[in-house]
Amino acid sequence: MKLNILASVLTSLAVSIVATPTVDVPITYEGYRVVRIKTNGRTPAIVKSLEGLKYDEWNSDGNNFDIAIAPDQIAKFTSLGLDFITLHENLGSSIIAESKPAASSKWKRQAEDLSWYDSYHTYGDHIKYVPSR
C-alpha cells in the first residue's frame, strides 16, 4: 500500500516537472562580434584552426568565411592570427539599430535611393513603397 502511494506521488511529481512551462530568455547578441575571415580557398584549413572555438557560421563562399563570435571567445579568436575584417563590432547594437521603425512612412521610390534598406519597415510601409498598378 505504501509502495503504491509512493509511486503515485513520484509519478505526479514527474508529470508536474515535465508540464512546468519554461521561460525562454531572449538572446540579445550583446557583445557578439561578426567577422569575415579571408580564406583564399583554404576554408577547410581555416575551419580546422577554429577547432575549440565556439562560433556560429554565417556564410562561406570559398574565399571568405563569416562567423559570429560570443564575447567570451573573442580573445581566443584574435589570438589565432587569422586574416579577417569585422562586419559587426557589436551584433546586439546592430540588431537594435536596424530594428527601429522608420522615421517616416513616406518614401521616395528612386533606384539610387538605398536609404529604404537602412531600417525595419512594417508591411504597411511596404505596401506604400511599392507602386500600385
Protein backbone atom coordinates (compact mmCIF):
# COMPACT_ATOMS: atom_id res chain seq x y z
CA MET A 1 0.00 0.00 0.00
CA LYS A 2 2.76 2.45 0.95
CA LEU A 3 4.59 1.49 -2.24
CA ASN A 4 1.51 2.41 -4.33
CA ILE A 5 1.21 5.79 -2.59
CA LEU A 6 4.92 6.49 -3.08
CA ALA A 7 4.68 5.51 -6.77
CA SER A 8 1.65 7.75 -7.21
CA VAL A 9 3.40 10.72 -5.57
CA LEU A 10 6.55 10.22 -7.66
CA THR A 11 4.51 9.94 -10.85
CA SER A 12 2.62 13.14 -10.02
CA LEU A 13 5.87 14.92 -9.27
CA ALA A 14 7.45 13.76 -12.55
CA VAL A 15 4.41 14.89 -14.55
CA SER A 16 4.39 18.31 -12.87
CA ILE A 17 8.09 18.82 -13.60
CA VAL A 18 7.62 17.94 -17.27
CA ALA A 19 4.47 20.08 -17.54
CA THR A 20 6.03 23.17 -15.97
CA PRO A 21 6.38 25.81 -18.67
CA THR A 22 9.85 27.15 -19.27
CA VAL A 23 10.61 30.81 -19.72
CA ASP A 24 12.69 31.48 -22.80
CA VAL A 25 15.26 34.16 -22.19
CA PRO A 26 15.74 36.12 -25.41
CA ILE A 27 19.24 36.15 -26.84
CA THR A 28 20.37 39.73 -27.30
CA TYR A 29 23.72 39.08 -29.05
CA GLU A 30 25.10 41.96 -27.00
CA GLY A 31 28.87 41.98 -27.43
CA TYR A 32 28.90 39.34 -30.16
CA ARG A 33 31.31 40.16 -32.98
CA VAL A 34 30.75 39.12 -36.60
CA VAL A 35 33.88 38.69 -38.69
CA ARG A 36 34.72 37.76 -42.27
CA ILE A 37 37.80 35.56 -42.41
CA LYS A 38 39.68 35.66 -45.69
CA THR A 39 40.30 32.01 -46.55
CA ASN A 40 41.78 32.37 -50.05
CA GLY A 41 40.27 28.99 -50.94
CA ARG A 42 41.60 27.27 -47.79
CA THR A 43 38.30 27.04 -45.93
CA PRO A 44 38.89 23.50 -44.55
CA ALA A 45 42.24 24.61 -43.06
CA ILE A 46 40.61 27.71 -41.53
CA VAL A 47 37.78 25.64 -40.05
CA LYS A 48 40.39 23.26 -38.59
CA SER A 49 42.20 26.21 -36.95
CA LEU A 50 38.88 27.25 -35.35
CA GLU A 51 38.51 23.92 -33.52
CA GLY A 52 37.88 24.52 -29.84
CA LEU A 53 36.33 27.93 -30.55
CA LYS A 54 32.58 28.33 -30.12
CA TYR A 55 31.09 30.27 -33.04
CA ASP A 56 28.05 30.45 -35.32
CA GLU A 57 28.77 30.02 -39.00
CA TRP A 58 27.02 32.61 -41.17
CA ASN A 59 28.38 32.18 -44.67
CA SER A 60 31.15 30.56 -46.66
CA ASP A 61 31.81 31.27 -50.32
CA GLY A 62 35.21 29.66 -50.85
CA ASN A 63 37.17 32.89 -50.35
CA ASN A 64 35.52 34.11 -47.14
CA PHE A 65 34.15 32.50 -44.02
CA ASP A 66 31.74 34.63 -41.93
CA ILE A 67 31.18 33.77 -38.27
CA ALA A 68 29.60 35.27 -35.15
CA ILE A 69 31.70 35.00 -32.00
CA ALA A 70 30.45 35.25 -28.42
CA PRO A 71 32.15 37.88 -26.23
CA ASP A 72 33.97 35.26 -24.16
CA GLN A 73 35.51 33.76 -27.33
CA ILE A 74 36.82 36.96 -28.97
CA ALA A 75 40.26 36.97 -27.29
CA LYS A 76 40.78 33.33 -28.22
CA PHE A 77 39.76 34.08 -31.82
CA THR A 78 42.06 37.09 -32.21
CA SER A 79 44.98 35.06 -30.83
CA LEU A 80 44.70 32.73 -33.86
CA GLY A 81 46.20 35.43 -36.09
CA LEU A 82 43.76 34.93 -38.96
CA ASP A 83 43.27 37.49 -41.74
CA PHE A 84 39.80 38.94 -41.04
CA ILE A 85 37.68 42.06 -41.13
CA THR A 86 34.96 42.95 -38.63
CA LEU A 87 31.45 43.16 -40.08
CA HIS A 88 29.69 43.92 -36.76
CA GLU A 89 31.67 45.06 -33.74
CA ASN A 90 28.61 44.51 -31.53
CA LEU A 91 25.89 42.44 -33.19
CA GLY A 92 23.38 43.27 -30.45
CA SER A 93 23.74 47.01 -31.11
CA SER A 94 23.46 46.44 -34.87
CA ILE A 95 20.23 44.47 -34.43
CA ILE A 96 18.73 47.22 -32.25
CA ALA A 97 19.75 49.94 -34.72
CA GLU A 98 18.28 48.07 -37.69
CA SER A 99 15.08 47.16 -35.83
CA LYS A 100 13.95 50.71 -35.15
CA PRO A 101 10.91 51.64 -37.20
CA ALA A 102 11.48 54.10 -39.97
CA ALA A 103 11.08 57.75 -39.00
CA SER A 104 8.74 58.43 -41.90
CA SER A 105 6.20 56.32 -43.69
CA LYS A 106 6.63 58.37 -46.86
CA TRP A 107 9.40 57.23 -49.17
CA LYS A 108 10.64 58.46 -52.46
CA ARG A 109 10.98 55.49 -54.72
CA GLN A 110 14.19 56.02 -56.62
CA ALA A 111 16.56 53.35 -57.81
CA GLU A 112 19.59 55.18 -56.43
CA ASP A 113 17.99 55.86 -53.01
CA LEU A 114 19.12 52.92 -50.88
CA SER A 115 18.10 54.53 -47.57
CA TRP A 116 14.97 52.34 -47.56
CA TYR A 117 17.14 49.36 -46.63
CA ASP A 118 18.68 51.04 -43.58
CA SER A 119 15.80 50.30 -41.21
CA TYR A 120 12.92 47.99 -40.38
CA HIS A 121 9.61 48.54 -42.20
CA THR A 122 6.12 47.31 -41.43
CA TYR A 123 4.01 45.54 -44.01
CA GLY A 124 2.02 48.75 -44.44
CA ASP A 125 5.23 50.64 -45.29
CA HIS A 126 6.00 48.05 -47.95
CA ILE A 127 2.57 48.49 -49.49
CA LYS A 128 3.10 52.27 -49.62
CA TYR A 129 6.61 51.87 -51.03
CA VAL A 130 5.73 49.50 -53.87
CA PRO A 131 3.91 51.38 -56.63
CA SER A 132 0.39 50.20 -57.38
CA ARG A 133 -0.66 49.43 -60.93
